[in-house]
Structures are given as C-alpha cells and as structure tokens.
N, C-alpha and C. Protein backbone atom coordinates (compact mmCIF):
# COMPACT_ATOMS: atom_id res chain seq x y z
N UNK A 1 0.84 -1.18 0.00
CA UNK A 1 0.00 0.00 0.00
C UNK A 1 0.88 1.24 0.00
N UNK A 2 0.69 2.11 -0.99
CA UNK A 2 1.49 3.32 -1.09
C UNK A 2 0.59 4.53 -0.95
N UNK A 3 0.67 5.25 0.17
CA UNK A 3 -0.21 6.39 0.39
C UNK A 3 0.21 7.62 -0.40
N UNK A 4 1.34 7.55 -1.08
CA UNK A 4 1.80 8.71 -1.82
C UNK A 4 1.04 8.83 -3.13
N UNK A 5 0.68 10.04 -3.51
CA UNK A 5 -0.12 10.26 -4.72
C UNK A 5 0.70 10.07 -5.98
N UNK A 6 0.01 9.80 -7.06
CA UNK A 6 0.62 9.72 -8.37
C UNK A 6 0.55 11.10 -9.03
N UNK A 7 1.34 11.28 -10.08
CA UNK A 7 1.33 12.57 -10.75
C UNK A 7 0.08 12.73 -11.58
N UNK A 8 -0.28 13.95 -11.84
CA UNK A 8 -1.46 14.29 -12.64
C UNK A 8 -0.96 14.89 -13.95
N UNK A 9 -1.06 14.13 -15.05
CA UNK A 9 -0.47 14.56 -16.30
C UNK A 9 -1.21 15.72 -16.97
N UNK A 10 -2.41 16.07 -16.54
CA UNK A 10 -3.13 17.17 -17.18
C UNK A 10 -3.01 18.48 -16.40
N UNK A 11 -2.24 18.48 -15.33
CA UNK A 11 -2.05 19.70 -14.53
C UNK A 11 -1.12 20.67 -15.26
N UNK A 12 -1.18 21.94 -14.92
CA UNK A 12 -0.27 22.93 -15.52
C UNK A 12 1.18 22.60 -15.19
N UNK A 13 2.13 23.21 -15.93
CA UNK A 13 3.56 22.99 -15.65
C UNK A 13 3.90 23.36 -14.21
N UNK A 14 4.95 22.72 -13.68
CA UNK A 14 5.36 22.92 -12.30
C UNK A 14 5.70 24.36 -11.95
N UNK A 15 6.33 25.08 -12.88
CA UNK A 15 6.69 26.46 -12.56
C UNK A 15 5.46 27.34 -12.42
N UNK A 16 4.44 27.07 -13.23
CA UNK A 16 3.19 27.83 -13.11
C UNK A 16 2.49 27.50 -11.79
N UNK A 17 2.47 26.22 -11.44
CA UNK A 17 1.87 25.82 -10.17
C UNK A 17 2.62 26.45 -8.99
N UNK A 18 3.94 26.43 -9.07
CA UNK A 18 4.75 26.99 -7.98
C UNK A 18 4.50 28.49 -7.84
N UNK A 19 4.41 29.18 -8.95
CA UNK A 19 4.15 30.63 -8.90
C UNK A 19 2.79 30.89 -8.26
N UNK A 20 1.79 30.10 -8.64
CA UNK A 20 0.46 30.27 -8.04
C UNK A 20 0.46 29.90 -6.56
N UNK A 21 1.14 28.82 -6.22
CA UNK A 21 1.21 28.40 -4.81
C UNK A 21 1.92 29.45 -3.97
N UNK A 22 2.94 30.05 -4.53
CA UNK A 22 3.69 31.09 -3.81
C UNK A 22 2.78 32.25 -3.41
N UNK A 23 1.75 32.47 -4.22
CA UNK A 23 0.79 33.55 -3.95
C UNK A 23 -0.34 33.09 -3.03
N UNK A 24 -0.30 31.82 -2.58
CA UNK A 24 -1.29 31.34 -1.63
C UNK A 24 -2.38 30.47 -2.23
N UNK A 25 -2.24 30.05 -3.48
CA UNK A 25 -3.23 29.20 -4.14
C UNK A 25 -3.09 27.77 -3.62
N UNK A 26 -4.02 27.36 -2.76
CA UNK A 26 -3.93 26.03 -2.15
C UNK A 26 -4.14 24.91 -3.16
N UNK A 27 -4.97 25.14 -4.18
CA UNK A 27 -5.18 24.11 -5.21
C UNK A 27 -3.89 23.85 -5.98
N UNK A 28 -3.17 24.90 -6.29
CA UNK A 28 -1.89 24.74 -7.00
C UNK A 28 -0.90 23.99 -6.11
N UNK A 29 -0.90 24.31 -4.83
CA UNK A 29 0.02 23.64 -3.91
C UNK A 29 -0.33 22.15 -3.79
N UNK A 30 -1.62 21.84 -3.78
CA UNK A 30 -2.04 20.43 -3.73
C UNK A 30 -1.56 19.68 -4.97
N UNK A 31 -1.63 20.33 -6.12
CA UNK A 31 -1.14 19.69 -7.34
C UNK A 31 0.38 19.49 -7.28
N UNK A 32 1.10 20.46 -6.72
CA UNK A 32 2.54 20.28 -6.54
C UNK A 32 2.82 19.09 -5.63
N UNK A 33 2.03 18.97 -4.59
CA UNK A 33 2.19 17.84 -3.68
C UNK A 33 2.00 16.53 -4.46
N UNK A 34 0.97 16.47 -5.25
CA UNK A 34 0.69 15.24 -6.02
C UNK A 34 1.85 14.91 -6.95
N UNK A 35 2.49 15.92 -7.50
CA UNK A 35 3.60 15.70 -8.42
C UNK A 35 4.91 15.35 -7.73
N UNK A 36 5.15 15.95 -6.58
CA UNK A 36 6.50 15.88 -6.01
C UNK A 36 6.62 15.07 -4.72
N UNK A 37 5.51 14.62 -4.16
CA UNK A 37 5.58 13.87 -2.89
C UNK A 37 6.41 12.60 -3.03
N UNK A 38 6.31 11.93 -4.14
CA UNK A 38 7.07 10.70 -4.35
C UNK A 38 8.57 10.98 -4.34
N UNK A 39 8.98 12.07 -4.95
CA UNK A 39 10.41 12.44 -4.97
C UNK A 39 10.90 12.78 -3.58
N UNK A 40 10.11 13.55 -2.85
CA UNK A 40 10.47 13.91 -1.48
C UNK A 40 10.56 12.65 -0.63
N UNK A 41 9.60 11.75 -0.78
CA UNK A 41 9.62 10.49 -0.03
C UNK A 41 10.87 9.67 -0.35
N UNK A 42 11.23 9.60 -1.62
CA UNK A 42 12.41 8.82 -2.01
C UNK A 42 13.66 9.36 -1.33
N UNK A 43 13.81 10.66 -1.33
CA UNK A 43 14.98 11.26 -0.70
C UNK A 43 14.98 10.96 0.80
N UNK A 44 13.85 11.11 1.45
CA UNK A 44 13.76 10.85 2.89
C UNK A 44 13.98 9.37 3.20
N UNK A 45 13.44 8.48 2.38
CA UNK A 45 13.56 7.04 2.62
C UNK A 45 15.00 6.56 2.49
N UNK A 46 15.82 7.31 1.77
CA UNK A 46 17.23 6.96 1.66
C UNK A 46 17.98 7.23 2.96
N UNK A 47 17.38 7.99 3.84
CA UNK A 47 18.04 8.37 5.09
C UNK A 47 17.31 7.87 6.34
N UNK A 48 16.01 7.69 6.24
CA UNK A 48 15.18 7.38 7.41
C UNK A 48 14.43 6.07 7.18
N UNK A 49 13.80 5.55 8.22
CA UNK A 49 12.98 4.35 8.06
C UNK A 49 11.79 4.68 7.16
N UNK A 50 11.19 3.65 6.58
CA UNK A 50 10.06 3.87 5.67
C UNK A 50 8.93 4.60 6.38
N UNK A 51 8.63 4.20 7.59
CA UNK A 51 7.54 4.83 8.35
C UNK A 51 7.86 6.30 8.64
N UNK A 52 9.08 6.56 9.09
CA UNK A 52 9.44 7.94 9.41
C UNK A 52 9.48 8.81 8.15
N UNK A 53 9.92 8.24 7.04
CA UNK A 53 9.95 8.99 5.78
C UNK A 53 8.54 9.43 5.39
N UNK A 54 7.57 8.52 5.53
CA UNK A 54 6.19 8.88 5.21
C UNK A 54 5.70 10.03 6.09
N UNK A 55 6.02 9.97 7.37
CA UNK A 55 5.62 11.05 8.28
C UNK A 55 6.30 12.36 7.92
N UNK A 56 7.56 12.29 7.57
CA UNK A 56 8.33 13.50 7.29
C UNK A 56 7.94 14.16 5.97
N UNK A 57 7.37 13.42 5.04
CA UNK A 57 6.88 14.03 3.79
C UNK A 57 5.89 15.13 4.13
N UNK A 58 4.99 14.84 5.05
CA UNK A 58 4.00 15.84 5.45
C UNK A 58 4.67 17.07 6.06
N UNK A 59 5.70 16.84 6.87
CA UNK A 59 6.43 17.95 7.49
C UNK A 59 7.09 18.83 6.43
N UNK A 60 7.69 18.18 5.43
CA UNK A 60 8.37 18.93 4.37
C UNK A 60 7.38 19.84 3.65
N UNK A 61 6.23 19.30 3.31
CA UNK A 61 5.26 20.12 2.58
C UNK A 61 4.63 21.20 3.46
N UNK A 62 4.49 20.92 4.73
CA UNK A 62 4.00 21.95 5.65
C UNK A 62 5.02 23.09 5.75
N UNK A 63 6.28 22.74 5.88
CA UNK A 63 7.33 23.77 5.93
C UNK A 63 7.40 24.53 4.62
N UNK A 64 7.23 23.83 3.51
CA UNK A 64 7.25 24.50 2.20
C UNK A 64 6.09 25.49 2.09
N UNK A 65 4.92 25.09 2.55
CA UNK A 65 3.76 25.99 2.49
C UNK A 65 4.04 27.25 3.31
N UNK A 66 4.58 27.05 4.49
CA UNK A 66 4.86 28.20 5.36
C UNK A 66 5.94 29.11 4.78
N UNK A 67 6.88 28.52 4.04
CA UNK A 67 8.00 29.29 3.49
C UNK A 67 7.82 29.59 2.00
N UNK A 68 6.61 29.43 1.48
CA UNK A 68 6.39 29.56 0.04
C UNK A 68 6.84 30.90 -0.53
N UNK A 69 6.80 31.95 0.26
CA UNK A 69 7.24 33.25 -0.21
C UNK A 69 8.74 33.32 -0.46
N UNK A 70 9.49 32.37 0.09
CA UNK A 70 10.94 32.34 -0.09
C UNK A 70 11.36 31.68 -1.41
N UNK A 71 10.43 31.03 -2.10
CA UNK A 71 10.75 30.39 -3.37
C UNK A 71 10.99 31.46 -4.42
N UNK A 72 12.24 31.61 -4.83
CA UNK A 72 12.60 32.69 -5.76
C UNK A 72 12.42 32.29 -7.23
N UNK A 73 12.68 31.02 -7.52
CA UNK A 73 12.60 30.54 -8.90
C UNK A 73 11.56 29.43 -8.99
N UNK A 74 10.34 29.76 -9.38
CA UNK A 74 9.29 28.73 -9.46
C UNK A 74 9.67 27.53 -10.32
N UNK A 75 10.51 27.73 -11.34
CA UNK A 75 10.91 26.62 -12.20
C UNK A 75 11.77 25.61 -11.44
N UNK A 76 12.32 25.99 -10.30
CA UNK A 76 13.19 25.11 -9.51
C UNK A 76 12.49 24.62 -8.24
N UNK A 77 11.18 24.53 -8.29
CA UNK A 77 10.41 24.12 -7.11
C UNK A 77 10.82 22.73 -6.62
N UNK A 78 11.15 21.83 -7.54
CA UNK A 78 11.58 20.48 -7.14
C UNK A 78 12.87 20.53 -6.33
N UNK A 79 13.85 21.28 -6.80
CA UNK A 79 15.11 21.42 -6.07
C UNK A 79 14.89 22.05 -4.71
N UNK A 80 14.01 23.05 -4.66
CA UNK A 80 13.70 23.75 -3.42
C UNK A 80 13.08 22.78 -2.40
N UNK A 81 12.12 21.97 -2.85
CA UNK A 81 11.49 21.00 -1.95
C UNK A 81 12.48 19.93 -1.48
N UNK A 82 13.36 19.49 -2.37
CA UNK A 82 14.34 18.49 -1.97
C UNK A 82 15.33 19.07 -0.96
N UNK A 83 15.64 20.34 -1.08
CA UNK A 83 16.52 20.99 -0.09
C UNK A 83 15.83 21.01 1.28
N UNK A 84 14.54 21.30 1.29
CA UNK A 84 13.78 21.27 2.55
C UNK A 84 13.78 19.84 3.10
N UNK A 85 13.60 18.85 2.22
CA UNK A 85 13.59 17.45 2.64
C UNK A 85 14.95 17.04 3.23
N UNK A 86 16.04 17.49 2.61
CA UNK A 86 17.37 17.18 3.14
C UNK A 86 17.52 17.72 4.57
N UNK A 87 17.11 18.97 4.74
CA UNK A 87 17.21 19.58 6.08
C UNK A 87 16.32 18.82 7.08
N UNK A 88 15.17 18.39 6.65
CA UNK A 88 14.26 17.64 7.52
C UNK A 88 14.89 16.30 7.91
N UNK A 89 15.53 15.63 6.97
CA UNK A 89 16.19 14.36 7.28
C UNK A 89 17.34 14.57 8.26
N UNK A 90 18.11 15.61 8.05
CA UNK A 90 19.22 15.91 8.97
C UNK A 90 18.68 16.18 10.37
N UNK A 91 17.61 16.94 10.45
CA UNK A 91 17.01 17.23 11.76
C UNK A 91 16.53 15.95 12.44
N UNK A 92 15.93 15.06 11.67
CA UNK A 92 15.45 13.79 12.23
C UNK A 92 16.61 12.95 12.74
N UNK A 93 17.69 12.92 11.99
CA UNK A 93 18.85 12.13 12.39
C UNK A 93 19.56 12.74 13.60
N UNK A 94 19.55 14.03 13.69
CA UNK A 94 20.16 14.69 14.85
C UNK A 94 19.40 14.38 16.14
N UNK A 95 18.11 14.15 16.02
CA UNK A 95 17.30 13.93 17.22
C UNK A 95 17.55 12.55 17.85
N UNK A 96 18.28 11.72 17.16
CA UNK A 96 18.66 10.41 17.71
C UNK A 96 19.92 9.96 17.01
N UNK A 97 20.48 8.88 17.39
CA UNK A 97 21.73 8.44 16.80
C UNK A 97 21.49 7.89 15.40
N UNK A 98 22.40 8.20 14.51
CA UNK A 98 22.27 7.73 13.14
C UNK A 98 22.41 6.21 13.09
N UNK A 99 23.15 5.64 13.99
CA UNK A 99 23.34 4.19 13.98
C UNK A 99 22.02 3.45 14.11
N UNK A 100 21.07 4.02 14.83
CA UNK A 100 19.77 3.36 14.98
C UNK A 100 19.03 3.30 13.66
N UNK A 101 19.32 4.21 12.75
CA UNK A 101 18.63 4.23 11.46
C UNK A 101 19.32 3.38 10.39
N UNK A 102 20.56 2.96 10.64
CA UNK A 102 21.29 2.19 9.64
C UNK A 102 21.42 0.74 10.11
N UNK A 103 20.48 -0.11 9.71
CA UNK A 103 20.51 -1.50 10.15
C UNK A 103 21.83 -2.17 9.77
N UNK A 104 22.40 -2.89 10.71
CA UNK A 104 23.67 -3.57 10.48
C UNK A 104 23.47 -4.98 9.93
N UNK A 105 22.34 -5.58 10.22
CA UNK A 105 22.12 -6.95 9.80
C UNK A 105 20.78 -7.06 9.08
N UNK A 106 20.62 -8.15 8.38
CA UNK A 106 19.35 -8.40 7.70
C UNK A 106 18.21 -8.44 8.70
N UNK A 107 18.43 -9.02 9.87
CA UNK A 107 17.37 -9.09 10.88
C UNK A 107 16.95 -7.69 11.32
N UNK A 108 17.91 -6.80 11.52
CA UNK A 108 17.59 -5.42 11.89
C UNK A 108 16.85 -4.73 10.75
N UNK A 109 17.29 -4.96 9.53
CA UNK A 109 16.65 -4.33 8.38
C UNK A 109 15.20 -4.78 8.27
N UNK A 110 14.94 -6.07 8.53
CA UNK A 110 13.57 -6.57 8.49
C UNK A 110 12.69 -5.84 9.48
N UNK A 111 13.19 -5.63 10.67
CA UNK A 111 12.41 -4.95 11.68
C UNK A 111 12.11 -3.52 11.29
N UNK A 112 13.04 -2.84 10.64
CA UNK A 112 12.86 -1.44 10.27
C UNK A 112 11.94 -1.27 9.06
N UNK A 113 11.97 -2.22 8.15
CA UNK A 113 11.23 -2.06 6.90
C UNK A 113 10.55 -3.37 6.50
N UNK A 114 9.72 -3.92 7.35
CA UNK A 114 9.10 -5.22 7.10
C UNK A 114 8.31 -5.25 5.80
N UNK A 115 7.63 -4.15 5.47
CA UNK A 115 6.78 -4.13 4.30
C UNK A 115 7.55 -4.21 2.99
N UNK A 116 8.83 -4.06 3.01
CA UNK A 116 9.63 -4.09 1.79
C UNK A 116 10.15 -5.48 1.46
N UNK A 117 10.01 -6.42 2.37
CA UNK A 117 10.51 -7.76 2.14
C UNK A 117 11.99 -7.85 2.48
N UNK A 118 12.47 -9.07 2.59
CA UNK A 118 13.86 -9.28 3.01
C UNK A 118 14.86 -8.64 2.07
N UNK A 119 14.75 -8.91 0.80
CA UNK A 119 15.72 -8.38 -0.15
C UNK A 119 15.62 -6.86 -0.23
N UNK A 120 14.42 -6.35 -0.29
CA UNK A 120 14.23 -4.90 -0.35
C UNK A 120 14.80 -4.21 0.88
N UNK A 121 14.61 -4.82 2.03
CA UNK A 121 15.14 -4.24 3.28
C UNK A 121 16.66 -4.25 3.27
N UNK A 122 17.24 -5.33 2.76
CA UNK A 122 18.70 -5.43 2.69
C UNK A 122 19.26 -4.38 1.72
N UNK A 123 18.63 -4.25 0.57
CA UNK A 123 19.07 -3.25 -0.41
C UNK A 123 18.95 -1.85 0.17
N UNK A 124 17.83 -1.57 0.82
CA UNK A 124 17.62 -0.26 1.42
C UNK A 124 18.63 0.01 2.52
N UNK A 125 18.93 -0.99 3.33
CA UNK A 125 19.93 -0.82 4.39
C UNK A 125 21.30 -0.49 3.79
N UNK A 126 21.66 -1.17 2.72
CA UNK A 126 22.95 -0.89 2.06
C UNK A 126 22.93 0.47 1.37
N UNK A 127 21.81 0.83 0.77
CA UNK A 127 21.68 2.14 0.13
C UNK A 127 21.94 3.25 1.13
N UNK A 128 21.45 3.08 2.34
CA UNK A 128 21.60 4.11 3.38
C UNK A 128 23.05 4.29 3.82
N UNK A 129 23.91 3.33 3.51
CA UNK A 129 25.32 3.45 3.91
C UNK A 129 26.19 4.08 2.83
N UNK A 130 25.64 4.32 1.66
CA UNK A 130 26.42 4.92 0.57
C UNK A 130 26.68 6.40 0.85
N UNK A 131 27.72 6.95 0.21
CA UNK A 131 27.94 8.40 0.32
C UNK A 131 26.69 9.15 -0.14
N UNK A 132 26.47 10.31 0.44
CA UNK A 132 25.22 11.05 0.23
C UNK A 132 24.88 11.30 -1.24
N UNK A 133 25.85 11.70 -2.04
CA UNK A 133 25.56 12.02 -3.45
C UNK A 133 25.01 10.80 -4.18
N UNK A 134 25.59 9.63 -3.93
CA UNK A 134 25.12 8.41 -4.58
C UNK A 134 23.79 7.97 -3.99
N UNK A 135 23.68 8.06 -2.67
CA UNK A 135 22.46 7.65 -1.97
C UNK A 135 21.26 8.43 -2.49
N UNK A 136 21.41 9.73 -2.65
CA UNK A 136 20.29 10.57 -3.08
C UNK A 136 19.87 10.27 -4.51
N UNK A 137 20.84 10.21 -5.43
CA UNK A 137 20.46 9.95 -6.82
C UNK A 137 19.88 8.54 -6.98
N UNK A 138 20.46 7.56 -6.29
CA UNK A 138 19.90 6.20 -6.38
C UNK A 138 18.51 6.12 -5.76
N UNK A 139 18.29 6.81 -4.66
CA UNK A 139 16.96 6.80 -4.05
C UNK A 139 15.93 7.40 -4.99
N UNK A 140 16.28 8.50 -5.64
CA UNK A 140 15.34 9.11 -6.58
C UNK A 140 15.08 8.19 -7.77
N UNK A 141 16.11 7.43 -8.19
CA UNK A 141 15.95 6.50 -9.31
C UNK A 141 15.19 5.24 -8.90
N UNK A 142 15.63 4.60 -7.83
CA UNK A 142 15.06 3.31 -7.45
C UNK A 142 13.76 3.42 -6.66
N UNK A 143 13.69 4.36 -5.75
CA UNK A 143 12.48 4.51 -4.92
C UNK A 143 11.50 5.50 -5.54
N UNK A 144 12.03 6.57 -6.11
CA UNK A 144 11.16 7.59 -6.71
C UNK A 144 10.80 7.30 -8.15
N UNK A 145 11.49 6.31 -8.76
CA UNK A 145 11.24 5.88 -10.14
C UNK A 145 11.38 7.03 -11.13
N UNK A 146 12.40 7.87 -10.93
CA UNK A 146 12.64 8.99 -11.83
C UNK A 146 13.71 8.64 -12.86
N UNK A 147 13.60 9.25 -14.02
CA UNK A 147 14.63 9.10 -15.05
C UNK A 147 15.81 9.99 -14.69
N UNK A 148 16.91 9.80 -15.40
CA UNK A 148 18.08 10.64 -15.17
C UNK A 148 17.78 12.11 -15.39
N UNK A 149 17.03 12.42 -16.45
CA UNK A 149 16.68 13.81 -16.73
C UNK A 149 15.80 14.40 -15.63
N UNK A 150 14.88 13.60 -15.12
CA UNK A 150 14.03 14.08 -14.02
C UNK A 150 14.85 14.34 -12.76
N UNK A 151 15.80 13.46 -12.48
CA UNK A 151 16.67 13.65 -11.32
C UNK A 151 17.48 14.93 -11.49
N UNK A 152 17.97 15.14 -12.69
CA UNK A 152 18.72 16.36 -12.98
C UNK A 152 17.88 17.60 -12.72
N UNK A 153 16.65 17.59 -13.18
CA UNK A 153 15.75 18.74 -12.99
C UNK A 153 15.41 18.93 -11.51
N UNK A 154 15.21 17.84 -10.80
CA UNK A 154 14.85 17.93 -9.38
C UNK A 154 15.99 18.42 -8.51
N UNK A 155 17.20 17.97 -8.81
CA UNK A 155 18.33 18.27 -7.94
C UNK A 155 19.16 19.46 -8.39
N UNK A 156 19.02 19.84 -9.66
CA UNK A 156 19.86 20.91 -10.18
C UNK A 156 21.22 20.42 -10.64
N UNK A 157 21.45 19.11 -10.58
CA UNK A 157 22.71 18.54 -11.05
C UNK A 157 22.67 18.46 -12.57
N UNK A 158 23.84 18.46 -13.19
CA UNK A 158 23.89 18.28 -14.64
C UNK A 158 23.52 16.83 -14.96
N UNK A 159 22.97 16.59 -16.17
CA UNK A 159 22.65 15.21 -16.54
C UNK A 159 23.88 14.29 -16.47
N UNK A 160 25.04 14.82 -16.84
CA UNK A 160 26.27 14.02 -16.76
C UNK A 160 26.61 13.63 -15.34
N UNK A 161 26.46 14.56 -14.41
CA UNK A 161 26.74 14.27 -13.00
C UNK A 161 25.76 13.23 -12.46
N UNK A 162 24.51 13.33 -12.88
CA UNK A 162 23.51 12.34 -12.45
C UNK A 162 23.91 10.96 -12.96
N UNK A 163 24.30 10.87 -14.24
CA UNK A 163 24.70 9.58 -14.81
C UNK A 163 25.89 9.00 -14.05
N UNK A 164 26.88 9.84 -13.76
CA UNK A 164 28.07 9.37 -13.04
C UNK A 164 27.67 8.89 -11.64
N UNK A 165 26.87 9.67 -10.93
CA UNK A 165 26.46 9.27 -9.58
C UNK A 165 25.65 7.99 -9.60
N UNK A 166 24.75 7.85 -10.58
CA UNK A 166 23.97 6.62 -10.68
C UNK A 166 24.87 5.42 -10.97
N UNK A 167 25.80 5.59 -11.89
CA UNK A 167 26.69 4.50 -12.26
C UNK A 167 27.59 4.09 -11.10
N UNK A 168 28.25 5.06 -10.49
CA UNK A 168 29.15 4.76 -9.37
C UNK A 168 28.36 4.24 -8.16
N UNK A 169 27.21 4.84 -7.92
CA UNK A 169 26.39 4.40 -6.80
C UNK A 169 25.91 2.97 -6.97
N UNK A 170 25.47 2.63 -8.18
CA UNK A 170 25.01 1.25 -8.45
C UNK A 170 26.17 0.28 -8.30
N UNK A 171 27.35 0.68 -8.78
CA UNK A 171 28.52 -0.18 -8.65
C UNK A 171 28.83 -0.44 -7.17
N UNK A 172 28.82 0.61 -6.37
CA UNK A 172 29.09 0.46 -4.94
C UNK A 172 28.02 -0.41 -4.28
N UNK A 173 26.77 -0.18 -4.65
CA UNK A 173 25.67 -0.95 -4.06
C UNK A 173 25.80 -2.43 -4.42
N UNK A 174 26.11 -2.72 -5.69
CA UNK A 174 26.29 -4.11 -6.12
C UNK A 174 27.41 -4.78 -5.34
N UNK A 175 28.54 -4.07 -5.20
CA UNK A 175 29.68 -4.64 -4.47
C UNK A 175 29.31 -4.95 -3.02
N UNK A 176 28.58 -4.06 -2.39
CA UNK A 176 28.19 -4.27 -1.00
C UNK A 176 27.22 -5.44 -0.87
N UNK A 177 26.31 -5.55 -1.83
CA UNK A 177 25.36 -6.66 -1.79
C UNK A 177 26.06 -7.99 -2.07
N UNK A 178 27.04 -7.98 -2.98
CA UNK A 178 27.80 -9.20 -3.26
C UNK A 178 28.59 -9.65 -2.04
N UNK A 179 29.11 -8.71 -1.26
CA UNK A 179 29.82 -9.08 -0.03
C UNK A 179 28.88 -9.76 0.96
N UNK A 180 27.60 -9.47 0.84
CA UNK A 180 26.61 -10.12 1.71
C UNK A 180 26.11 -11.43 1.10
N UNK A 181 26.67 -11.80 -0.05
CA UNK A 181 26.32 -13.07 -0.66
C UNK A 181 25.19 -13.01 -1.66
N UNK A 182 24.83 -11.83 -2.12
CA UNK A 182 23.77 -11.70 -3.12
C UNK A 182 24.39 -11.53 -4.49
N UNK A 183 23.75 -12.09 -5.53
CA UNK A 183 24.29 -11.99 -6.90
C UNK A 183 24.22 -10.58 -7.45
C-alpha cells in the first residue's frame, strides 16, 4: 500500500503551479504535492525508516507551504522541496543516533522495513550506507522511479553528474550486496 499520490499529467507545468502556490493558491500547492511527494519520499527514505519517511513528507510540505514566499525561482520548485527534505532528514537524524537508522544486519533491516521484504530491506539498508551524493540519486531513481533527466531537474545537477552518480552508486551498491552473498 502506497499512500503517496501519483502525478497528474493534465495539470499545468510545475513552474506555473509553484508561482500560483507562492501567492497562496492552495489548489496549486495540492497539485505540486501530487507531483512531487514521491520524490520527497524517495529522498527521505534513503536516510530514514520507511515509516518515518512517510511522516516527514507531510512535514516537508508543511514547511514548504509556510515558506512559500521564499521560493525565488518557481521553475526550480523540485530542487527547493528536496533541499527542505534534506534539512528535515538531517534534523530527524540529529534527534537520535544515526546508527539506529542504519541496520547492520538483515534481521535489523527486516524490523525497520518489514513491508519491503527481506531483499528490499537489505538493499535499502545498504543504500543508506552509501555516500550522500550516490544515496540521493539512487533513491530518486530506485524509490522515486525517476529518469536521469528528471533527477537532474529535481536536484539541479547536470545530466552528466547524475549519470556518473547513478553509475558509481550502483557499482558500490552491487559490491556491498555481493559481499553479503547476493548476486
């Protein structure tokens, strides 16, 4: 069961929605939520437990609504929201030890993310141990189901940098999973 909304392909472009939301248009903000909640969740899930990531998505959008006047470039609303999500994840990790969020064993990973299954929990646990640049791009690709171009637009990274991060991140992830005995 995924409580996160799917995108609405007939909605106006994101920059138009962001400009309207910045002026207080709640309908436009709701459409932005529908478009970008999955991306925000993917970024948070790369750092936090699945349950906490779902809770923090709401916090990110609440903070974004309150700070909507600070959005200077409506065309970069995705990058702006991901920056808020990064800060939210850091705040969550500061409130307790990071070690508690990074399962060391498959048994710990199962307890943290039972709904993802054994293999999914193991992959997610290993993903969380990658360097931040790789972790974020892989989370947006694997959990958020975004293309390289979409990740580039969301993060502000060049398409080439996204490709490099995805390639190196996948290589590191594969190596770590192989050390655990997975093909």
